[in-house]
Amino acid sequence: MKLNTSTQPTAQHAAGSMLDTFRRMPFFEDAYFHMRASHLTLADGYLRALEEGYRLATAMPEDEMLLGHLSEMWMMGVFDLLHAWREQARVVLTHPGLSDQVSTASVSVEISEQIAGSANLRKVISRLRRDVRYARKLRRYAVAVEQIYKDLREVRELLARYEVLRVHQSAAAAHVRLDPENGSLLYALRTRHGTVRPISRVEIADRLMGLRP
């Protein structure tokens, strides 16, 4: 399928606000986090253009598998980024003097080594000690990120189960159908009550862009 270039400016504008969102978050002044956020933002723009083409198609395009693979790569990229971000937040927020619930003795050697080896972590900790509002901002972002991270972890587990099935026997794709509103693939997550909760890549992307402390 050829990308509908008329959709790209809108898609890139939407994706641009994703990078803006990441830049407002603590830790994204770090080169590693900023680079990953930039890559995911660019990929989101092109995926939105591809998804728009799927939405406008009268029948399921033959290259549906391509959209599935690209969507899964993007979501796992976001999962890995949020996983690393959560780890950084955990390290900082459990640092002595920043948490009333954690004593110096309870800070692991692993965390101490991470702080010692990262100039960015030391810089963030120094700022948190000086700026109470920044500390509150980090804690609020940690709460806001959590549900998106958990949903992506469920998608990851779903994809892993289907990959095991695919290796041993023929199995259907992990996604169930296209979302008619945006052309994104829907994935069926099982709730603890046994019901199915659909989730799409675009939903994850939009929630990322809507992150606020």
N, C-alpha and C. Protein backbone atom coordinates (compact mmCIF):
# COMPACT_ATOMS: atom_id res chain seq x y z
N MET A 1 0.84 -1.20 0.00
CA MET A 1 0.00 0.00 0.00
C MET A 1 0.87 1.24 0.00
N LYS A 2 0.53 2.22 -0.85
CA LYS A 2 1.23 3.49 -0.87
C LYS A 2 0.63 4.42 0.18
N LEU A 3 1.50 5.16 0.86
CA LEU A 3 1.01 6.11 1.85
C LEU A 3 0.25 7.23 1.15
N ASN A 4 -0.86 7.63 1.73
CA ASN A 4 -1.59 8.79 1.25
C ASN A 4 -0.88 10.03 1.78
N THR A 5 -0.11 10.68 0.92
CA THR A 5 0.71 11.79 1.40
C THR A 5 -0.11 12.96 1.90
N SER A 6 -1.37 13.02 1.51
CA SER A 6 -2.21 14.12 1.99
C SER A 6 -2.49 14.00 3.47
N THR A 7 -2.30 12.81 4.05
CA THR A 7 -2.55 12.62 5.48
C THR A 7 -1.30 12.86 6.31
N GLN A 8 -0.13 12.93 5.66
CA GLN A 8 1.10 12.99 6.43
C GLN A 8 1.27 14.26 7.25
N PRO A 9 0.95 15.46 6.74
CA PRO A 9 1.14 16.65 7.59
C PRO A 9 0.37 16.57 8.89
N THR A 10 -0.90 16.11 8.80
CA THR A 10 -1.70 15.97 10.01
C THR A 10 -1.09 14.95 10.95
N ALA A 11 -0.66 13.82 10.39
CA ALA A 11 -0.06 12.78 11.20
C ALA A 11 1.21 13.27 11.87
N GLN A 12 2.06 13.98 11.13
CA GLN A 12 3.30 14.45 11.69
C GLN A 12 3.05 15.52 12.76
N HIS A 13 2.01 16.35 12.56
CA HIS A 13 1.67 17.35 13.57
C HIS A 13 1.23 16.67 14.86
N ALA A 14 0.40 15.60 14.71
CA ALA A 14 -0.05 14.87 15.89
C ALA A 14 1.12 14.21 16.59
N ALA A 15 2.04 13.63 15.78
CA ALA A 15 3.19 12.97 16.36
C ALA A 15 4.11 13.96 17.05
N GLY A 16 4.21 15.19 16.50
CA GLY A 16 5.06 16.19 17.10
C GLY A 16 4.66 16.51 18.52
N SER A 17 3.38 16.52 18.80
CA SER A 17 2.93 16.80 20.15
C SER A 17 3.32 15.68 21.11
N MET A 18 3.57 14.47 20.58
CA MET A 18 4.04 13.39 21.43
C MET A 18 5.44 13.70 21.94
N LEU A 19 6.32 14.17 21.08
CA LEU A 19 7.66 14.53 21.51
C LEU A 19 7.61 15.69 22.50
N ASP A 20 6.71 16.64 22.26
CA ASP A 20 6.53 17.74 23.21
C ASP A 20 6.15 17.22 24.58
N THR A 21 5.27 16.21 24.60
CA THR A 21 4.85 15.61 25.87
C THR A 21 6.03 14.98 26.58
N PHE A 22 6.82 14.20 25.85
CA PHE A 22 7.98 13.56 26.45
C PHE A 22 8.96 14.60 26.99
N ARG A 23 9.16 15.68 26.27
CA ARG A 23 10.12 16.70 26.69
C ARG A 23 9.72 17.37 28.00
N ARG A 24 8.44 17.38 28.30
CA ARG A 24 7.98 17.98 29.56
C ARG A 24 8.23 17.06 30.75
N MET A 25 8.50 15.79 30.47
CA MET A 25 8.67 14.82 31.55
C MET A 25 10.10 14.83 32.09
N PRO A 26 10.27 14.58 33.39
CA PRO A 26 11.61 14.44 33.94
C PRO A 26 12.38 13.33 33.22
N PHE A 27 13.68 13.45 33.14
CA PHE A 27 14.63 12.51 32.55
C PHE A 27 14.81 12.66 31.04
N PHE A 28 13.88 13.33 30.34
CA PHE A 28 13.99 13.39 28.89
C PHE A 28 14.98 14.45 28.41
N GLU A 29 15.64 15.13 29.35
CA GLU A 29 16.78 15.96 28.97
C GLU A 29 18.01 15.07 28.73
N ASP A 30 17.93 13.82 29.19
CA ASP A 30 18.99 12.85 28.94
C ASP A 30 18.99 12.45 27.47
N ALA A 31 20.18 12.33 26.87
CA ALA A 31 20.29 12.06 25.43
C ALA A 31 19.63 10.74 25.04
N TYR A 32 19.77 9.71 25.87
CA TYR A 32 19.19 8.40 25.55
C TYR A 32 17.67 8.48 25.49
N PHE A 33 17.07 9.06 26.51
CA PHE A 33 15.61 9.16 26.54
C PHE A 33 15.10 10.04 25.40
N HIS A 34 15.79 11.13 25.15
CA HIS A 34 15.34 12.04 24.09
C HIS A 34 15.44 11.37 22.72
N MET A 35 16.51 10.62 22.49
CA MET A 35 16.67 9.92 21.22
C MET A 35 15.55 8.91 21.00
N ARG A 36 15.27 8.11 22.03
CA ARG A 36 14.21 7.10 21.90
C ARG A 36 12.86 7.76 21.67
N ALA A 37 12.59 8.85 22.38
CA ALA A 37 11.33 9.57 22.20
C ALA A 37 11.21 10.13 20.79
N SER A 38 12.31 10.65 20.25
CA SER A 38 12.30 11.19 18.89
C SER A 38 12.00 10.11 17.87
N HIS A 39 12.61 8.93 18.04
CA HIS A 39 12.38 7.82 17.11
C HIS A 39 10.93 7.36 17.15
N LEU A 40 10.38 7.23 18.34
CA LEU A 40 8.99 6.78 18.48
C LEU A 40 8.02 7.82 17.93
N THR A 41 8.35 9.08 18.10
CA THR A 41 7.52 10.15 17.56
C THR A 41 7.48 10.10 16.04
N LEU A 42 8.64 9.95 15.43
CA LEU A 42 8.72 9.87 13.97
C LEU A 42 7.96 8.65 13.45
N ALA A 43 8.15 7.50 14.10
CA ALA A 43 7.46 6.29 13.69
C ALA A 43 5.95 6.43 13.84
N ASP A 44 5.51 7.12 14.89
CA ASP A 44 4.07 7.32 15.09
C ASP A 44 3.47 8.12 13.94
N GLY A 45 4.19 9.12 13.46
CA GLY A 45 3.69 9.93 12.35
C GLY A 45 3.46 9.10 11.10
N TYR A 46 4.42 8.24 10.76
CA TYR A 46 4.28 7.42 9.56
C TYR A 46 3.24 6.32 9.76
N LEU A 47 3.15 5.78 10.95
CA LEU A 47 2.13 4.77 11.22
C LEU A 47 0.73 5.36 11.11
N ARG A 48 0.56 6.58 11.57
CA ARG A 48 -0.76 7.22 11.46
C ARG A 48 -1.15 7.41 10.00
N ALA A 49 -0.18 7.75 9.16
CA ALA A 49 -0.47 7.89 7.73
C ALA A 49 -0.86 6.54 7.13
N LEU A 50 -0.15 5.49 7.51
CA LEU A 50 -0.47 4.15 7.03
C LEU A 50 -1.84 3.71 7.52
N GLU A 51 -2.11 3.97 8.79
CA GLU A 51 -3.41 3.59 9.37
C GLU A 51 -4.56 4.34 8.71
N GLU A 52 -4.32 5.60 8.35
CA GLU A 52 -5.36 6.36 7.66
C GLU A 52 -5.67 5.73 6.31
N GLY A 53 -4.65 5.25 5.62
CA GLY A 53 -4.87 4.56 4.36
C GLY A 53 -5.68 3.29 4.55
N TYR A 54 -5.43 2.57 5.63
CA TYR A 54 -6.21 1.37 5.93
C TYR A 54 -7.65 1.74 6.26
N ARG A 55 -7.82 2.85 6.98
CA ARG A 55 -9.18 3.26 7.35
C ARG A 55 -10.01 3.58 6.12
N LEU A 56 -9.40 4.16 5.12
CA LEU A 56 -10.12 4.57 3.91
C LEU A 56 -10.28 3.43 2.91
N ALA A 57 -9.58 2.32 3.11
CA ALA A 57 -9.65 1.21 2.16
C ALA A 57 -11.02 0.55 2.21
N THR A 58 -11.51 0.13 1.05
CA THR A 58 -12.82 -0.53 0.99
C THR A 58 -12.75 -1.98 1.44
N ALA A 59 -11.57 -2.57 1.40
CA ALA A 59 -11.38 -3.95 1.86
C ALA A 59 -10.04 -4.03 2.59
N MET A 60 -9.85 -5.08 3.38
CA MET A 60 -8.61 -5.23 4.12
C MET A 60 -7.43 -5.34 3.15
N PRO A 61 -6.47 -4.44 3.21
CA PRO A 61 -5.32 -4.49 2.30
C PRO A 61 -4.54 -5.78 2.46
N GLU A 62 -3.85 -6.18 1.39
CA GLU A 62 -3.08 -7.42 1.41
C GLU A 62 -1.90 -7.34 2.37
N ASP A 63 -1.39 -6.14 2.61
CA ASP A 63 -0.23 -6.00 3.48
C ASP A 63 -0.62 -5.71 4.93
N GLU A 64 -1.73 -6.28 5.36
CA GLU A 64 -2.16 -6.13 6.75
C GLU A 64 -1.06 -6.57 7.72
N MET A 65 -0.33 -7.63 7.34
CA MET A 65 0.72 -8.15 8.21
C MET A 65 1.78 -7.09 8.48
N LEU A 66 2.07 -6.25 7.47
CA LEU A 66 3.06 -5.19 7.65
C LEU A 66 2.63 -4.23 8.74
N LEU A 67 1.37 -3.81 8.70
CA LEU A 67 0.86 -2.91 9.73
C LEU A 67 0.95 -3.56 11.10
N GLY A 68 0.63 -4.86 11.16
CA GLY A 68 0.71 -5.57 12.43
C GLY A 68 2.12 -5.57 12.99
N HIS A 69 3.10 -5.89 12.15
CA HIS A 69 4.49 -5.94 12.61
C HIS A 69 4.98 -4.56 13.05
N LEU A 70 4.68 -3.54 12.25
CA LEU A 70 5.13 -2.18 12.60
C LEU A 70 4.46 -1.68 13.88
N SER A 71 3.17 -1.98 14.03
CA SER A 71 2.44 -1.57 15.23
C SER A 71 3.03 -2.22 16.47
N GLU A 72 3.33 -3.52 16.35
CA GLU A 72 3.88 -4.24 17.50
C GLU A 72 5.27 -3.74 17.85
N MET A 73 6.09 -3.46 16.83
CA MET A 73 7.43 -2.92 17.09
C MET A 73 7.33 -1.57 17.80
N TRP A 74 6.38 -0.74 17.37
CA TRP A 74 6.22 0.57 17.99
C TRP A 74 5.78 0.44 19.45
N MET A 75 4.79 -0.40 19.69
CA MET A 75 4.28 -0.55 21.05
C MET A 75 5.33 -1.13 21.98
N MET A 76 6.13 -2.09 21.49
CA MET A 76 7.18 -2.64 22.34
C MET A 76 8.30 -1.63 22.56
N GLY A 77 8.51 -0.74 21.58
CA GLY A 77 9.47 0.34 21.78
C GLY A 77 9.02 1.29 22.88
N VAL A 78 7.72 1.61 22.90
CA VAL A 78 7.17 2.47 23.96
C VAL A 78 7.26 1.75 25.30
N PHE A 79 6.94 0.45 25.31
CA PHE A 79 7.02 -0.32 26.55
C PHE A 79 8.44 -0.27 27.12
N ASP A 80 9.44 -0.50 26.27
CA ASP A 80 10.82 -0.48 26.75
C ASP A 80 11.21 0.90 27.28
N LEU A 81 10.76 1.95 26.59
CA LEU A 81 11.08 3.31 27.04
C LEU A 81 10.44 3.61 28.39
N LEU A 82 9.16 3.26 28.53
CA LEU A 82 8.48 3.51 29.81
C LEU A 82 9.06 2.65 30.92
N HIS A 83 9.49 1.43 30.57
CA HIS A 83 10.12 0.57 31.57
C HIS A 83 11.40 1.22 32.10
N ALA A 84 12.22 1.74 31.18
CA ALA A 84 13.45 2.42 31.60
C ALA A 84 13.14 3.68 32.40
N TRP A 85 12.10 4.41 31.99
CA TRP A 85 11.71 5.63 32.70
C TRP A 85 11.26 5.30 34.12
N ARG A 86 10.43 4.27 34.26
CA ARG A 86 9.95 3.87 35.59
C ARG A 86 11.11 3.47 36.50
N GLU A 87 12.09 2.79 35.91
CA GLU A 87 13.25 2.38 36.70
C GLU A 87 14.03 3.60 37.19
N GLN A 88 14.20 4.58 36.31
CA GLN A 88 14.88 5.81 36.72
C GLN A 88 14.10 6.51 37.82
N ALA A 89 12.78 6.58 37.67
CA ALA A 89 11.95 7.22 38.68
C ALA A 89 12.06 6.49 40.02
N ARG A 90 12.07 5.16 39.96
CA ARG A 90 12.18 4.36 41.18
C ARG A 90 13.51 4.63 41.88
N VAL A 91 14.58 4.67 41.10
CA VAL A 91 15.90 4.93 41.67
C VAL A 91 15.94 6.29 42.37
N VAL A 92 15.40 7.29 41.71
CA VAL A 92 15.44 8.66 42.25
C VAL A 92 14.54 8.80 43.47
N LEU A 93 13.32 8.28 43.36
CA LEU A 93 12.35 8.48 44.44
C LEU A 93 12.65 7.64 45.67
N THR A 94 13.51 6.64 45.56
CA THR A 94 13.90 5.85 46.73
C THR A 94 15.26 6.29 47.27
N HIS A 95 15.77 7.40 46.74
CA HIS A 95 17.05 7.90 47.23
C HIS A 95 16.86 8.50 48.62
N PRO A 96 17.80 8.25 49.55
CA PRO A 96 17.69 8.82 50.90
C PRO A 96 17.51 10.33 50.86
N GLY A 97 16.57 10.80 51.65
CA GLY A 97 16.31 12.23 51.72
C GLY A 97 15.19 12.69 50.82
N LEU A 98 14.77 11.81 49.88
CA LEU A 98 13.68 12.17 48.99
C LEU A 98 12.41 11.39 49.30
N SER A 99 12.52 10.39 50.14
CA SER A 99 11.35 9.59 50.49
C SER A 99 11.33 9.36 51.99
N ASP A 100 10.21 9.65 52.61
CA ASP A 100 10.07 9.42 54.05
C ASP A 100 9.92 7.94 54.37
N GLN A 101 9.63 7.13 53.34
CA GLN A 101 9.34 5.72 53.57
C GLN A 101 10.57 4.83 53.39
N VAL A 102 11.67 5.39 52.90
CA VAL A 102 12.84 4.59 52.59
C VAL A 102 14.02 5.07 53.43
N SER A 103 14.63 4.16 54.13
CA SER A 103 15.80 4.52 54.93
C SER A 103 17.06 4.31 54.11
N THR A 104 18.15 4.92 54.57
CA THR A 104 19.42 4.77 53.87
C THR A 104 19.83 3.31 53.79
N ALA A 105 19.58 2.56 54.84
CA ALA A 105 20.00 1.16 54.88
C ALA A 105 19.26 0.30 53.86
N SER A 106 18.06 0.72 53.47
CA SER A 106 17.26 -0.10 52.57
C SER A 106 17.57 0.14 51.09
N VAL A 107 18.41 1.14 50.80
CA VAL A 107 18.77 1.41 49.41
C VAL A 107 19.79 0.38 48.96
N SER A 108 19.47 -0.35 47.89
CA SER A 108 20.31 -1.45 47.45
C SER A 108 21.61 -0.96 46.85
N VAL A 109 22.58 -1.86 46.80
CA VAL A 109 23.86 -1.56 46.16
C VAL A 109 23.63 -1.24 44.69
N GLU A 110 22.68 -1.95 44.06
CA GLU A 110 22.38 -1.73 42.65
C GLU A 110 21.96 -0.29 42.39
N ILE A 111 21.06 0.23 43.24
CA ILE A 111 20.59 1.61 43.07
C ILE A 111 21.73 2.59 43.30
N SER A 112 22.53 2.34 44.33
CA SER A 112 23.66 3.23 44.61
C SER A 112 24.62 3.28 43.43
N GLU A 113 24.85 2.12 42.80
CA GLU A 113 25.76 2.07 41.66
C GLU A 113 25.17 2.80 40.45
N GLN A 114 23.84 2.68 40.26
CA GLN A 114 23.20 3.38 39.15
C GLN A 114 23.35 4.89 39.30
N ILE A 115 23.16 5.37 40.52
CA ILE A 115 23.27 6.81 40.77
C ILE A 115 24.72 7.27 40.56
N ALA A 116 25.66 6.47 41.07
CA ALA A 116 27.07 6.84 40.95
C ALA A 116 27.52 6.89 39.49
N GLY A 117 26.92 6.04 38.66
CA GLY A 117 27.34 5.95 37.26
C GLY A 117 26.56 6.82 36.30
N SER A 118 25.63 7.62 36.79
CA SER A 118 24.80 8.43 35.90
C SER A 118 24.81 9.89 36.33
N ALA A 119 25.42 10.72 35.50
CA ALA A 119 25.45 12.16 35.79
C ALA A 119 24.04 12.74 35.75
N ASN A 120 23.19 12.21 34.86
CA ASN A 120 21.83 12.73 34.75
C ASN A 120 21.02 12.42 36.00
N LEU A 121 21.18 11.21 36.55
CA LEU A 121 20.47 10.87 37.78
C LEU A 121 20.91 11.77 38.93
N ARG A 122 22.20 12.00 39.03
CA ARG A 122 22.70 12.87 40.10
C ARG A 122 22.16 14.29 39.93
N LYS A 123 22.05 14.74 38.69
CA LYS A 123 21.52 16.08 38.42
C LYS A 123 20.05 16.17 38.83
N VAL A 124 19.27 15.11 38.50
CA VAL A 124 17.85 15.11 38.86
C VAL A 124 17.67 15.08 40.36
N ILE A 125 18.46 14.25 41.05
CA ILE A 125 18.37 14.17 42.50
C ILE A 125 18.71 15.52 43.14
N SER A 126 19.72 16.17 42.61
CA SER A 126 20.10 17.49 43.13
C SER A 126 18.96 18.49 42.95
N ARG A 127 18.30 18.44 41.80
CA ARG A 127 17.20 19.37 41.56
C ARG A 127 16.01 19.04 42.47
N LEU A 128 15.74 17.75 42.67
CA LEU A 128 14.62 17.36 43.52
C LEU A 128 14.81 17.87 44.95
N ARG A 129 16.05 17.88 45.41
CA ARG A 129 16.33 18.36 46.76
C ARG A 129 16.09 19.86 46.89
N ARG A 130 16.29 20.58 45.79
CA ARG A 130 16.12 22.04 45.82
C ARG A 130 14.70 22.48 45.50
N ASP A 131 13.99 21.67 44.72
CA ASP A 131 12.71 22.10 44.16
C ASP A 131 11.61 21.10 44.52
N VAL A 132 10.80 21.45 45.51
CA VAL A 132 9.72 20.57 45.96
C VAL A 132 8.71 20.34 44.84
N ARG A 133 8.45 21.37 44.05
CA ARG A 133 7.46 21.24 42.97
C ARG A 133 7.91 20.23 41.92
N TYR A 134 9.22 20.19 41.66
CA TYR A 134 9.74 19.22 40.69
C TYR A 134 9.57 17.80 41.21
N ALA A 135 9.77 17.62 42.51
CA ALA A 135 9.58 16.29 43.11
C ALA A 135 8.12 15.85 42.98
N ARG A 136 7.20 16.78 43.23
CA ARG A 136 5.78 16.46 43.09
C ARG A 136 5.44 16.13 41.64
N LYS A 137 6.05 16.88 40.72
CA LYS A 137 5.82 16.64 39.29
C LYS A 137 6.26 15.23 38.91
N LEU A 138 7.41 14.80 39.38
CA LEU A 138 7.91 13.46 39.07
C LEU A 138 6.98 12.39 39.62
N ARG A 139 6.52 12.57 40.85
CA ARG A 139 5.62 11.59 41.45
C ARG A 139 4.29 11.52 40.69
N ARG A 140 3.78 12.67 40.26
CA ARG A 140 2.52 12.67 39.50
C ARG A 140 2.69 12.02 38.13
N TYR A 141 3.81 12.26 37.49
CA TYR A 141 4.07 11.60 36.22
C TYR A 141 4.20 10.09 36.41
N ALA A 142 4.82 9.68 37.50
CA ALA A 142 4.97 8.25 37.77
C ALA A 142 3.61 7.58 37.87
N VAL A 143 2.66 8.25 38.49
CA VAL A 143 1.29 7.71 38.59
C VAL A 143 0.63 7.70 37.22
N ALA A 144 0.79 8.78 36.46
CA ALA A 144 0.14 8.89 35.15
C ALA A 144 0.67 7.85 34.16
N VAL A 145 1.95 7.54 34.24
CA VAL A 145 2.57 6.58 33.32
C VAL A 145 2.14 5.15 33.61
N GLU A 146 1.80 4.88 34.86
CA GLU A 146 1.63 3.50 35.31
C GLU A 146 0.59 2.71 34.52
N GLN A 147 -0.59 3.28 34.27
CA GLN A 147 -1.64 2.52 33.60
C GLN A 147 -1.29 2.24 32.15
N ILE A 148 -0.66 3.21 31.48
CA ILE A 148 -0.22 2.97 30.10
C ILE A 148 0.81 1.85 30.08
N TYR A 149 1.73 1.88 31.03
CA TYR A 149 2.75 0.84 31.11
C TYR A 149 2.12 -0.53 31.34
N LYS A 150 1.15 -0.61 32.24
CA LYS A 150 0.51 -1.89 32.52
C LYS A 150 -0.24 -2.42 31.30
N ASP A 151 -0.91 -1.53 30.57
CA ASP A 151 -1.61 -1.96 29.35
C ASP A 151 -0.63 -2.49 28.31
N LEU A 152 0.50 -1.82 28.16
CA LEU A 152 1.51 -2.28 27.21
C LEU A 152 2.13 -3.59 27.65
N ARG A 153 2.25 -3.78 28.95
CA ARG A 153 2.77 -5.06 29.45
C ARG A 153 1.80 -6.19 29.11
N GLU A 154 0.50 -5.91 29.18
CA GLU A 154 -0.49 -6.91 28.80
C GLU A 154 -0.42 -7.21 27.30
N VAL A 155 -0.23 -6.17 26.49
CA VAL A 155 -0.08 -6.39 25.05
C VAL A 155 1.16 -7.25 24.79
N ARG A 156 2.22 -6.96 25.50
CA ARG A 156 3.47 -7.73 25.36
C ARG A 156 3.24 -9.19 25.70
N GLU A 157 2.52 -9.46 26.77
CA GLU A 157 2.23 -10.84 27.15
C GLU A 157 1.34 -11.52 26.12
N LEU A 158 0.38 -10.77 25.57
CA LEU A 158 -0.49 -11.31 24.52
C LEU A 158 0.32 -11.69 23.29
N LEU A 159 1.22 -10.82 22.87
CA LEU A 159 2.05 -11.10 21.69
C LEU A 159 2.96 -12.29 21.94
N ALA A 160 3.47 -12.41 23.16
CA ALA A 160 4.34 -13.54 23.49
C ALA A 160 3.58 -14.86 23.41
N ARG A 161 2.34 -14.87 23.89
CA ARG A 161 1.53 -16.10 23.82
C ARG A 161 1.27 -16.50 22.37
N TYR A 162 0.95 -15.53 21.53
CA TYR A 162 0.68 -15.83 20.13
C TYR A 162 1.95 -16.26 19.40
N GLU A 163 3.08 -15.74 19.81
CA GLU A 163 4.34 -16.15 19.18
C GLU A 163 4.65 -17.60 19.50
N VAL A 164 4.39 -18.03 20.74
CA VAL A 164 4.58 -19.43 21.12
C VAL A 164 3.67 -20.32 20.29
N LEU A 165 2.41 -19.91 20.13
CA LEU A 165 1.47 -20.69 19.32
C LEU A 165 1.92 -20.74 17.86
N ARG A 166 2.42 -19.63 17.37
CA ARG A 166 2.83 -19.57 15.97
C ARG A 166 3.99 -20.53 15.68
N VAL A 167 4.89 -20.67 16.65
CA VAL A 167 6.04 -21.55 16.47
C VAL A 167 5.61 -23.02 16.42
N HIS A 168 4.62 -23.37 17.24
CA HIS A 168 4.23 -24.78 17.36
C HIS A 168 3.06 -25.18 16.48
N GLN A 169 2.24 -24.21 16.10
CA GLN A 169 1.09 -24.53 15.27
C GLN A 169 0.58 -23.26 14.60
N SER A 170 -0.23 -23.44 13.58
CA SER A 170 -0.79 -22.28 12.90
C SER A 170 -1.76 -21.58 13.84
N ALA A 171 -1.61 -20.26 13.97
CA ALA A 171 -2.48 -19.52 14.88
C ALA A 171 -2.86 -18.19 14.25
N ALA A 172 -4.00 -17.68 14.67
CA ALA A 172 -4.45 -16.38 14.17
C ALA A 172 -3.54 -15.28 14.72
N ALA A 173 -3.61 -14.13 14.08
CA ALA A 173 -2.81 -13.00 14.55
C ALA A 173 -3.32 -12.52 15.90
N ALA A 174 -2.44 -11.83 16.64
CA ALA A 174 -2.82 -11.36 17.98
C ALA A 174 -3.88 -10.27 17.91
N HIS A 175 -3.93 -9.52 16.81
CA HIS A 175 -4.96 -8.49 16.69
C HIS A 175 -6.24 -9.11 16.16
N VAL A 176 -7.35 -8.45 16.40
CA VAL A 176 -8.64 -9.02 16.02
C VAL A 176 -9.23 -8.35 14.78
N ARG A 177 -9.07 -7.03 14.67
CA ARG A 177 -9.66 -6.33 13.52
C ARG A 177 -9.15 -4.89 13.51
N LEU A 178 -9.52 -4.17 12.46
CA LEU A 178 -9.16 -2.76 12.39
C LEU A 178 -10.18 -1.92 13.15
N ASP A 179 -9.70 -0.89 13.80
CA ASP A 179 -10.59 0.09 14.41
C ASP A 179 -11.13 0.97 13.28
N PRO A 180 -12.44 0.96 13.03
CA PRO A 180 -12.98 1.72 11.91
C PRO A 180 -12.80 3.23 12.04
N GLU A 181 -12.54 3.72 13.24
CA GLU A 181 -12.39 5.16 13.44
C GLU A 181 -11.02 5.69 13.04
N ASN A 182 -9.99 4.83 13.14
CA ASN A 182 -8.65 5.34 12.86
C ASN A 182 -7.76 4.39 12.06
N GLY A 183 -8.25 3.20 11.71
CA GLY A 183 -7.47 2.28 10.91
C GLY A 183 -6.40 1.53 11.67
N SER A 184 -6.33 1.73 12.99
CA SER A 184 -5.35 1.04 13.81
C SER A 184 -5.84 -0.35 14.15
N LEU A 185 -4.90 -1.28 14.33
CA LEU A 185 -5.28 -2.64 14.70
C LEU A 185 -5.68 -2.71 16.17
N LEU A 186 -6.73 -3.46 16.44
CA LEU A 186 -7.21 -3.65 17.80
C LEU A 186 -6.67 -4.96 18.35
N TYR A 187 -6.26 -4.94 19.61
CA TYR A 187 -5.76 -6.14 20.29
C TYR A 187 -6.70 -6.46 21.44
N ALA A 188 -6.98 -7.74 21.61
CA ALA A 188 -7.96 -8.17 22.61
C ALA A 188 -7.26 -8.55 23.91
N LEU A 189 -7.40 -7.70 24.93
CA LEU A 189 -6.83 -7.98 26.24
C LEU A 189 -7.89 -8.59 27.13
N ARG A 190 -7.51 -9.60 27.88
CA ARG A 190 -8.43 -10.25 28.82
C ARG A 190 -8.40 -9.54 30.16
N THR A 191 -9.57 -9.17 30.66
CA THR A 191 -9.64 -8.56 31.98
C THR A 191 -9.65 -9.66 33.04
N ARG A 192 -9.49 -9.27 34.29
CA ARG A 192 -9.50 -10.26 35.37
C ARG A 192 -10.87 -10.89 35.55
N HIS A 193 -11.89 -10.27 34.97
CA HIS A 193 -13.25 -10.82 35.05
C HIS A 193 -13.55 -11.75 33.88
N GLY A 194 -12.57 -11.95 33.00
CA GLY A 194 -12.76 -12.86 31.88
C GLY A 194 -13.33 -12.22 30.63
N THR A 195 -13.60 -10.92 30.68
CA THR A 195 -14.13 -10.24 29.50
C THR A 195 -12.97 -9.75 28.63
N VAL A 196 -13.29 -9.36 27.40
CA VAL A 196 -12.28 -8.89 26.46
C VAL A 196 -12.32 -7.37 26.39
N ARG A 197 -11.15 -6.76 26.50
CA ARG A 197 -11.04 -5.30 26.40
C ARG A 197 -10.14 -4.96 25.21
N PRO A 198 -10.71 -4.39 24.15
CA PRO A 198 -9.88 -4.06 22.98
C PRO A 198 -9.02 -2.82 23.24
N ILE A 199 -7.83 -2.84 22.68
CA ILE A 199 -6.94 -1.69 22.78
C ILE A 199 -6.18 -1.56 21.46
N SER A 200 -5.95 -0.34 21.02
CA SER A 200 -5.27 -0.13 19.74
C SER A 200 -3.99 0.68 19.92
N ARG A 201 -3.14 0.65 18.91
CA ARG A 201 -1.90 1.42 18.95
C ARG A 201 -2.19 2.92 19.03
N VAL A 202 -3.18 3.38 18.26
CA VAL A 202 -3.52 4.80 18.27
C VAL A 202 -4.01 5.22 19.65
N GLU A 203 -4.76 4.36 20.32
CA GLU A 203 -5.22 4.69 21.68
C GLU A 203 -4.02 4.90 22.60
N ILE A 204 -3.04 4.00 22.52
CA ILE A 204 -1.83 4.15 23.33
C ILE A 204 -1.11 5.46 23.00
N ALA A 205 -0.98 5.74 21.70
CA ALA A 205 -0.28 6.96 21.27
C ALA A 205 -1.01 8.21 21.76
N ASP A 206 -2.33 8.22 21.65
CA ASP A 206 -3.10 9.39 22.09
C ASP A 206 -3.00 9.58 23.61
N ARG A 207 -2.98 8.47 24.33
CA ARG A 207 -2.85 8.58 25.79
C ARG A 207 -1.47 9.10 26.18
N LEU A 208 -0.46 8.70 25.42
CA LEU A 208 0.88 9.24 25.67
C LEU A 208 0.90 10.75 25.46
N MET A 209 0.28 11.20 24.36
CA MET A 209 0.26 12.63 24.07
C MET A 209 -0.54 13.41 25.10
N GLY A 210 -1.46 12.72 25.78
CA GLY A 210 -2.29 13.38 26.78
C GLY A 210 -1.71 13.34 28.19
N LEU A 211 -0.52 12.77 28.34
CA LEU A 211 0.09 12.67 29.67
C LEU A 211 0.32 14.05 30.27
N ARG A 212 -0.16 14.23 31.49
CA ARG A 212 0.07 15.46 32.22
C ARG A 212 0.39 15.11 33.67
N PRO A 213 1.22 15.91 34.33
CA PRO A 213 1.55 15.60 35.73
C PRO A 213 0.39 15.90 36.66
